[in-house]
């Protein structure tokens, strides 16, 4: 019976030793997990803070965006107005040149017609003078 009791006590001591080893292992594992949890919480806090800062920066940028867009629209409108003015000026200048060219052609043709009319008038006067001379000559005979 003594041997049984001793064996039983030894078995209990072995079981107790195994339980203590398991407790040590589990305690070490809990400490490791707590450390990882703290690191993760710190990291998560930093990420959240960074996202908050980025959100604020984006909000500030978005507030400035309408003014930037308005400025760019105004600049584009100004450039478009300048382009229209240049196009209008170029069209007016081209129309003026064409008008002057046409005026010169018309003046040349009018000059030609006037010269022809003067020639015809001169011939008519000569004919009238000849007709008058012929009339005098025929009445004078």
N, C-alpha and C. Protein backbone atom coordinates (compact mmCIF):
# COMPACT_ATOMS: atom_id res chain seq x y z
N UNK A 1 0.84 -1.19 0.00
CA UNK A 1 0.00 0.00 0.00
C UNK A 1 0.88 1.24 0.00
N UNK A 2 2.00 1.15 0.73
CA UNK A 2 2.94 2.27 0.72
C UNK A 2 3.44 2.54 -0.68
N UNK A 3 3.74 1.54 -1.41
CA UNK A 3 4.21 1.72 -2.78
C UNK A 3 3.14 2.37 -3.64
N UNK A 4 1.91 1.98 -3.43
CA UNK A 4 0.81 2.56 -4.19
C UNK A 4 0.64 4.02 -3.85
N UNK A 5 0.74 4.29 -2.57
CA UNK A 5 0.58 5.67 -2.15
C UNK A 5 1.72 6.52 -2.70
N UNK A 6 2.91 5.99 -2.62
CA UNK A 6 4.04 6.72 -3.16
C UNK A 6 3.89 6.92 -4.67
N UNK A 7 3.46 5.92 -5.37
CA UNK A 7 3.26 6.01 -6.82
C UNK A 7 2.17 7.04 -7.12
N UNK A 8 1.11 6.98 -6.29
CA UNK A 8 0.01 7.91 -6.49
C UNK A 8 0.49 9.34 -6.24
N UNK A 9 1.26 9.58 -5.21
CA UNK A 9 1.78 10.91 -4.89
C UNK A 9 2.73 11.35 -6.01
N UNK A 10 3.56 10.46 -6.51
CA UNK A 10 4.47 10.79 -7.60
C UNK A 10 3.69 11.18 -8.85
N UNK A 11 2.61 10.47 -9.12
CA UNK A 11 1.78 10.78 -10.26
C UNK A 11 1.13 12.15 -10.10
N UNK A 12 0.68 12.42 -8.88
CA UNK A 12 0.08 13.73 -8.60
C UNK A 12 1.12 14.83 -8.75
N UNK A 13 2.33 14.57 -8.25
CA UNK A 13 3.39 15.57 -8.40
C UNK A 13 3.74 15.80 -9.88
N UNK A 14 3.75 14.73 -10.66
CA UNK A 14 4.02 14.86 -12.11
C UNK A 14 2.91 15.66 -12.77
N UNK A 15 1.66 15.38 -12.42
CA UNK A 15 0.53 16.11 -12.99
C UNK A 15 0.59 17.57 -12.58
N UNK A 16 0.95 17.79 -11.30
CA UNK A 16 1.09 19.16 -10.80
C UNK A 16 2.21 19.88 -11.55
N UNK A 17 3.33 19.20 -11.79
CA UNK A 17 4.44 19.80 -12.53
C UNK A 17 4.02 20.13 -13.96
N UNK A 18 3.28 19.24 -14.59
CA UNK A 18 2.80 19.48 -15.96
C UNK A 18 1.86 20.69 -15.98
N UNK A 19 0.99 20.77 -14.98
CA UNK A 19 0.06 21.91 -14.91
C UNK A 19 0.82 23.22 -14.71
N UNK A 20 1.85 23.17 -13.87
CA UNK A 20 2.65 24.38 -13.64
C UNK A 20 3.39 24.78 -14.93
N UNK A 21 3.90 23.80 -15.68
CA UNK A 21 4.56 24.08 -16.96
C UNK A 21 3.56 24.70 -17.96
N UNK A 22 2.35 24.14 -17.98
CA UNK A 22 1.31 24.68 -18.87
C UNK A 22 0.97 26.10 -18.46
N UNK A 23 0.86 26.35 -17.15
CA UNK A 23 0.55 27.69 -16.64
C UNK A 23 1.65 28.66 -17.04
N UNK A 24 2.92 28.24 -16.90
CA UNK A 24 4.03 29.11 -17.29
C UNK A 24 3.95 29.42 -18.80
N UNK A 25 3.71 28.39 -19.61
CA UNK A 25 3.61 28.56 -21.06
C UNK A 25 2.46 29.51 -21.42
N UNK A 26 1.30 29.27 -20.78
CA UNK A 26 0.13 30.11 -21.06
C UNK A 26 0.34 31.54 -20.58
N UNK A 27 1.01 31.71 -19.43
CA UNK A 27 1.29 33.06 -18.92
C UNK A 27 2.21 33.79 -19.89
N UNK A 28 3.24 33.10 -20.38
CA UNK A 28 4.15 33.71 -21.35
C UNK A 28 3.39 34.07 -22.63
N UNK A 29 2.50 33.19 -23.06
CA UNK A 29 1.70 33.45 -24.27
C UNK A 29 0.77 34.65 -24.07
N UNK A 30 0.15 34.76 -22.92
CA UNK A 30 -0.73 35.90 -22.61
C UNK A 30 0.09 37.19 -22.61
N UNK A 31 1.29 37.16 -22.03
CA UNK A 31 2.14 38.35 -22.00
C UNK A 31 2.52 38.74 -23.43
N UNK A 32 2.83 37.75 -24.25
CA UNK A 32 3.18 38.02 -25.64
C UNK A 32 1.99 38.64 -26.38
N UNK A 33 0.80 38.08 -26.18
CA UNK A 33 -0.40 38.60 -26.84
C UNK A 33 -0.75 40.00 -26.35
N UNK A 34 -0.55 40.25 -25.07
CA UNK A 34 -0.81 41.60 -24.54
C UNK A 34 0.14 42.61 -25.17
N UNK A 35 1.39 42.22 -25.33
CA UNK A 35 2.38 43.09 -25.95
C UNK A 35 1.99 43.38 -27.40
N UNK A 36 1.61 42.33 -28.12
CA UNK A 36 1.18 42.52 -29.52
C UNK A 36 -0.07 43.38 -29.59
N UNK A 37 -0.96 43.19 -28.64
CA UNK A 37 -2.20 43.97 -28.61
C UNK A 37 -1.88 45.46 -28.38
N UNK A 38 -0.96 45.74 -27.47
CA UNK A 38 -0.56 47.13 -27.21
C UNK A 38 0.09 47.74 -28.45
N UNK A 39 0.96 46.96 -29.10
CA UNK A 39 1.61 47.45 -30.33
C UNK A 39 0.56 47.73 -31.40
N UNK A 40 -0.40 46.82 -31.54
CA UNK A 40 -1.44 47.00 -32.54
C UNK A 40 -2.31 48.21 -32.21
N UNK A 41 -2.62 48.39 -30.94
CA UNK A 41 -3.42 49.55 -30.54
C UNK A 41 -2.66 50.85 -30.82
N UNK A 42 -1.36 50.85 -30.54
CA UNK A 42 -0.54 52.04 -30.82
C UNK A 42 -0.53 52.32 -32.32
N UNK A 43 -0.30 51.26 -33.08
CA UNK A 43 -0.27 51.41 -34.54
C UNK A 43 -1.62 51.89 -35.07
N UNK A 44 -2.69 51.29 -34.57
CA UNK A 44 -4.04 51.69 -34.99
C UNK A 44 -4.30 53.15 -34.64
N UNK A 45 -3.87 53.57 -33.46
CA UNK A 45 -4.03 54.97 -33.06
C UNK A 45 -3.29 55.90 -33.99
N UNK A 46 -2.08 55.51 -34.36
CA UNK A 46 -1.29 56.33 -35.28
C UNK A 46 -1.95 56.41 -36.66
N UNK A 47 -2.47 55.27 -37.12
CA UNK A 47 -3.15 55.25 -38.42
C UNK A 47 -4.39 56.13 -38.38
N UNK A 48 -5.17 56.02 -37.31
CA UNK A 48 -6.38 56.83 -37.18
C UNK A 48 -6.01 58.32 -37.13
N UNK A 49 -4.96 58.64 -36.39
CA UNK A 49 -4.52 60.03 -36.31
C UNK A 49 -4.06 60.53 -37.68
N UNK A 50 -3.30 59.70 -38.38
CA UNK A 50 -2.83 60.06 -39.72
C UNK A 50 -4.00 60.26 -40.68
N UNK A 51 -4.99 59.38 -40.59
CA UNK A 51 -6.17 59.53 -41.44
C UNK A 51 -6.95 60.80 -41.10
N UNK A 52 -7.01 61.12 -39.82
CA UNK A 52 -7.67 62.35 -39.41
C UNK A 52 -6.96 63.57 -39.97
N UNK A 53 -5.62 63.56 -39.89
CA UNK A 53 -4.84 64.67 -40.45
C UNK A 53 -5.04 64.78 -41.95
N UNK A 54 -5.03 63.63 -42.62
CA UNK A 54 -5.22 63.63 -44.09
C UNK A 54 -6.63 64.13 -44.43
N UNK A 55 -7.61 63.73 -43.65
CA UNK A 55 -8.98 64.19 -43.87
C UNK A 55 -9.07 65.70 -43.73
N UNK A 56 -8.42 66.24 -42.70
CA UNK A 56 -8.43 67.69 -42.52
C UNK A 56 -7.74 68.40 -43.68
N UNK A 57 -6.63 67.84 -44.13
CA UNK A 57 -5.91 68.44 -45.25
C UNK A 57 -6.78 68.42 -46.52
N UNK A 58 -7.46 67.30 -46.74
CA UNK A 58 -8.34 67.20 -47.91
C UNK A 58 -9.51 68.17 -47.80
N UNK A 59 -10.02 68.36 -46.60
CA UNK A 59 -11.11 69.32 -46.40
C UNK A 59 -10.63 70.73 -46.74
N UNK A 60 -9.41 71.07 -46.30
CA UNK A 60 -8.86 72.39 -46.60
C UNK A 60 -8.66 72.56 -48.11
N UNK A 61 -8.14 71.52 -48.75
CA UNK A 61 -7.95 71.58 -50.20
C UNK A 61 -9.28 71.72 -50.92
N UNK A 62 -10.29 70.99 -50.45
CA UNK A 62 -11.59 71.06 -51.11
C UNK A 62 -12.24 72.42 -50.92
N UNK A 63 -11.93 73.11 -49.81
CA UNK A 63 -12.46 74.46 -49.61
C UNK A 63 -11.80 75.43 -50.58
N UNK A 64 -10.54 75.21 -50.88
CA UNK A 64 -9.82 76.10 -51.79
C UNK A 64 -10.12 75.78 -53.26
N UNK A 65 -10.67 74.60 -53.52
CA UNK A 65 -10.91 74.16 -54.89
C UNK A 65 -11.85 75.07 -55.67
N UNK A 66 -12.98 75.51 -55.14
CA UNK A 66 -13.86 76.40 -55.93
C UNK A 66 -13.16 77.68 -56.37
N UNK A 67 -12.37 78.27 -55.50
CA UNK A 67 -11.66 79.49 -55.88
C UNK A 67 -10.65 79.20 -56.98
N UNK A 68 -9.97 78.07 -56.88
CA UNK A 68 -9.00 77.69 -57.91
C UNK A 68 -9.71 77.47 -59.25
N UNK A 69 -10.82 76.76 -59.19
CA UNK A 69 -11.58 76.48 -60.41
C UNK A 69 -12.10 77.79 -61.00
N UNK A 70 -12.64 78.67 -60.15
CA UNK A 70 -13.14 79.96 -60.63
C UNK A 70 -12.02 80.75 -61.30
N UNK A 71 -10.85 80.73 -60.70
CA UNK A 71 -9.71 81.44 -61.28
C UNK A 71 -9.34 80.88 -62.64
N UNK A 72 -9.33 79.56 -62.74
CA UNK A 72 -8.98 78.94 -64.02
C UNK A 72 -10.05 79.20 -65.07
N UNK A 73 -11.31 79.16 -64.66
CA UNK A 73 -12.41 79.46 -65.59
C UNK A 73 -12.29 80.90 -66.08
N UNK A 74 -11.98 81.81 -65.16
CA UNK A 74 -11.83 83.22 -65.53
C UNK A 74 -10.66 83.38 -66.51
N UNK A 75 -9.56 82.68 -66.26
CA UNK A 75 -8.40 82.77 -67.16
C UNK A 75 -8.75 82.23 -68.54
N UNK A 76 -9.46 81.11 -68.57
CA UNK A 76 -9.85 80.52 -69.85
C UNK A 76 -10.82 81.46 -70.58
N UNK A 77 -11.75 82.05 -69.83
CA UNK A 77 -12.69 82.99 -70.43
C UNK A 77 -11.96 84.19 -71.01
N UNK A 78 -10.97 84.68 -70.28
CA UNK A 78 -10.18 85.83 -70.75
C UNK A 78 -9.43 85.46 -72.03
N UNK A 79 -8.82 84.27 -72.04
CA UNK A 79 -8.10 83.83 -73.24
C UNK A 79 -9.06 83.67 -74.42
N UNK A 80 -10.25 83.14 -74.15
CA UNK A 80 -11.23 82.98 -75.22
C UNK A 80 -11.66 84.34 -75.76
N UNK A 81 -11.86 85.30 -74.86
CA UNK A 81 -12.23 86.65 -75.29
C UNK A 81 -11.12 87.27 -76.13
N UNK A 82 -9.88 87.08 -75.71
CA UNK A 82 -8.75 87.61 -76.48
C UNK A 82 -8.67 86.95 -77.85
N UNK A 83 -8.90 85.64 -77.89
CA UNK A 83 -8.89 84.92 -79.17
C UNK A 83 -10.01 85.43 -80.08
N UNK A 84 -11.21 85.64 -79.51
CA UNK A 84 -12.32 86.18 -80.31
C UNK A 84 -11.95 87.55 -80.85
N UNK A 85 -11.34 88.37 -79.99
CA UNK A 85 -10.96 89.72 -80.40
C UNK A 85 -9.92 89.63 -81.53
N UNK A 86 -8.93 88.76 -81.38
CA UNK A 86 -7.92 88.60 -82.43
C UNK A 86 -8.57 88.13 -83.73
N UNK A 87 -9.47 87.15 -83.62
CA UNK A 87 -10.14 86.63 -84.81
C UNK A 87 -10.98 87.72 -85.47
N UNK A 88 -11.69 88.49 -84.65
CA UNK A 88 -12.51 89.58 -85.15
C UNK A 88 -11.63 90.62 -85.83
N UNK A 89 -10.54 90.99 -85.18
CA UNK A 89 -9.63 91.98 -85.74
C UNK A 89 -9.05 91.48 -87.06
N UNK A 90 -8.66 90.22 -87.10
CA UNK A 90 -8.10 89.65 -88.32
C UNK A 90 -9.15 89.63 -89.42
N UNK A 91 -10.39 89.27 -89.09
CA UNK A 91 -11.46 89.24 -90.08
C UNK A 91 -11.75 90.65 -90.60
N UNK A 92 -11.80 91.62 -89.70
CA UNK A 92 -12.04 93.01 -90.10
C UNK A 92 -10.90 93.50 -91.00
N UNK A 93 -9.67 93.19 -90.64
CA UNK A 93 -8.51 93.61 -91.44
C UNK A 93 -8.57 92.97 -92.82
N UNK A 94 -8.91 91.70 -92.87
CA UNK A 94 -8.99 91.02 -94.16
C UNK A 94 -10.13 91.61 -95.00
N UNK A 95 -11.26 91.90 -94.36
CA UNK A 95 -12.38 92.51 -95.08
C UNK A 95 -11.98 93.90 -95.60
N UNK A 96 -11.25 94.67 -94.81
CA UNK A 96 -10.79 96.00 -95.23
C UNK A 96 -9.86 95.89 -96.44
N UNK A 97 -8.92 94.93 -96.37
CA UNK A 97 -7.99 94.75 -97.49
C UNK A 97 -8.75 94.35 -98.76
N UNK A 98 -9.70 93.42 -98.60
CA UNK A 98 -10.49 93.00 -99.75
C UNK A 98 -11.31 94.17 -100.30
N UNK A 99 -11.86 94.98 -99.40
CA UNK A 99 -12.64 96.14 -99.81
C UNK A 99 -11.77 97.14 -100.56
N UNK A 100 -10.56 97.39 -100.06
CA UNK A 100 -9.65 98.30 -100.74
C UNK A 100 -9.27 97.77 -102.11
N UNK A 101 -9.02 96.47 -102.18
CA UNK A 101 -8.65 95.85 -103.45
C UNK A 101 -9.80 96.00 -104.45
N UNK A 102 -11.02 95.74 -103.98
CA UNK A 102 -12.19 95.87 -104.85
C UNK A 102 -12.38 97.33 -105.25
N UNK A 103 -12.18 98.26 -104.31
CA UNK A 103 -12.32 99.69 -104.62
C UNK A 103 -11.33 100.09 -105.71
N UNK A 104 -10.09 99.60 -105.60
CA UNK A 104 -9.08 99.91 -106.62
C UNK A 104 -9.51 99.37 -107.98
N UNK A 105 -10.02 98.14 -108.00
CA UNK A 105 -10.47 97.55 -109.27
C UNK A 105 -11.62 98.37 -109.86
N UNK A 106 -12.58 98.74 -108.96
CA UNK A 106 -13.72 99.53 -109.43
C UNK A 106 -13.24 100.87 -109.95
N UNK A 107 -12.32 101.52 -109.23
CA UNK A 107 -11.78 102.81 -109.66
C UNK A 107 -11.07 102.68 -111.00
N UNK A 108 -10.33 101.60 -111.18
CA UNK A 108 -9.66 101.37 -112.45
C UNK A 108 -10.67 101.24 -113.58
N UNK A 109 -11.74 100.47 -113.33
CA UNK A 109 -12.76 100.26 -114.36
C UNK A 109 -13.52 101.55 -114.63
N UNK A 110 -13.81 102.31 -113.55
CA UNK A 110 -14.48 103.60 -113.73
C UNK A 110 -13.58 104.52 -114.56
N UNK A 111 -12.29 104.53 -114.26
CA UNK A 111 -11.34 105.34 -115.03
C UNK A 111 -11.34 104.93 -116.49
N UNK A 112 -11.36 103.61 -116.73
CA UNK A 112 -11.38 103.12 -118.10
C UNK A 112 -12.65 103.57 -118.80
N UNK A 113 -13.79 103.43 -118.09
CA UNK A 113 -15.07 103.84 -118.67
C UNK A 113 -15.08 105.34 -118.93
N UNK A 114 -14.55 106.13 -117.99
CA UNK A 114 -14.50 107.59 -118.17
C UNK A 114 -13.64 107.94 -119.39
N UNK A 115 -12.53 107.24 -119.55
CA UNK A 115 -11.66 107.48 -120.70
C UNK A 115 -12.41 107.15 -121.99
N UNK A 116 -13.11 106.01 -121.97
CA UNK A 116 -13.87 105.62 -123.15
C UNK A 116 -14.97 106.64 -123.44
N UNK A 117 -15.68 107.09 -122.36
CA UNK A 117 -16.74 108.08 -122.53
C UNK A 117 -16.15 109.39 -123.07
N UNK A 118 -15.01 109.81 -122.54
CA UNK A 118 -14.36 111.03 -123.03
C UNK A 118 -14.00 110.88 -124.51
N UNK A 119 -13.52 109.72 -124.87
CA UNK A 119 -13.18 109.45 -126.28
C UNK A 119 -14.42 109.50 -127.15
N UNK A 120 -15.50 108.89 -126.68
CA UNK A 120 -16.75 108.89 -127.43
C UNK A 120 -17.28 110.32 -127.55
N UNK A 121 -17.22 111.08 -126.43
CA UNK A 121 -17.67 112.47 -126.46
C UNK A 121 -16.84 113.27 -127.45
N UNK A 122 -15.55 113.02 -127.47
CA UNK A 122 -14.66 113.72 -128.40
C UNK A 122 -15.03 113.36 -129.83
N UNK A 123 -15.28 112.08 -130.05
CA UNK A 123 -15.68 111.66 -131.39
C UNK A 123 -17.02 112.27 -131.78
N UNK A 124 -17.94 112.33 -130.76
CA UNK A 124 -19.26 112.91 -131.00
C UNK A 124 -19.12 114.38 -131.37
N UNK A 125 -18.26 115.11 -130.66
CA UNK A 125 -18.03 116.52 -130.96
C UNK A 125 -17.44 116.67 -132.36
N UNK A 126 -16.51 115.78 -132.68
CA UNK A 126 -15.93 115.81 -134.02
C UNK A 126 -17.01 115.54 -135.07
N UNK A 127 -17.87 114.60 -134.77
CA UNK A 127 -18.94 114.26 -135.71
C UNK A 127 -19.92 115.43 -135.83
N UNK A 128 -20.21 116.05 -134.67
CA UNK A 128 -21.12 117.20 -134.70
C UNK A 128 -20.47 118.34 -135.50
N UNK A 129 -19.19 118.54 -135.29
CA UNK A 129 -18.49 119.59 -136.02
C UNK A 129 -18.49 119.27 -137.51
N UNK A 130 -18.28 118.03 -137.85
CA UNK A 130 -18.30 117.61 -139.25
C UNK A 130 -19.69 117.77 -139.82
N UNK A 131 -20.68 117.40 -138.97
CA UNK A 131 -22.09 117.52 -139.41
C UNK A 131 -22.43 118.98 -139.63
N UNK A 132 -21.98 119.88 -138.76
CA UNK A 132 -22.26 121.30 -138.87
C UNK A 132 -21.52 121.83 -140.10
N UNK A 133 -20.29 121.41 -140.30
CA UNK A 133 -19.53 121.86 -141.45
C UNK A 133 -20.18 121.36 -142.74
N UNK A 134 -20.66 120.16 -142.69
CA UNK A 134 -21.32 119.60 -143.86
C UNK A 134 -22.61 120.34 -144.12
N UNK A 135 -23.31 120.70 -143.04
CA UNK A 135 -24.57 121.43 -143.18
C UNK A 135 -24.28 122.82 -143.75
N UNK A 136 -23.25 123.45 -143.33
CA UNK A 136 -22.89 124.78 -143.83
C UNK A 136 -22.44 124.67 -145.27
N UNK A 137 -21.70 123.64 -145.52
CA UNK A 137 -21.25 123.48 -146.89
C UNK A 137 -22.44 123.17 -147.79
N UNK A 138 -23.34 122.41 -147.41
CA UNK A 138 -24.48 122.08 -148.26
C UNK A 138 -25.43 123.25 -148.31
N UNK A 139 -25.57 124.07 -147.33
CA UNK A 139 -26.45 125.23 -147.37
C UNK A 139 -25.74 126.36 -148.09
N UNK A 140 -24.49 126.37 -148.10
CA UNK A 140 -23.72 127.42 -148.73
C UNK A 140 -23.56 127.16 -150.21
N UNK A 141 -23.90 126.20 -150.75
CA UNK A 141 -23.72 125.96 -152.16
C UNK A 141 -24.84 126.43 -152.90
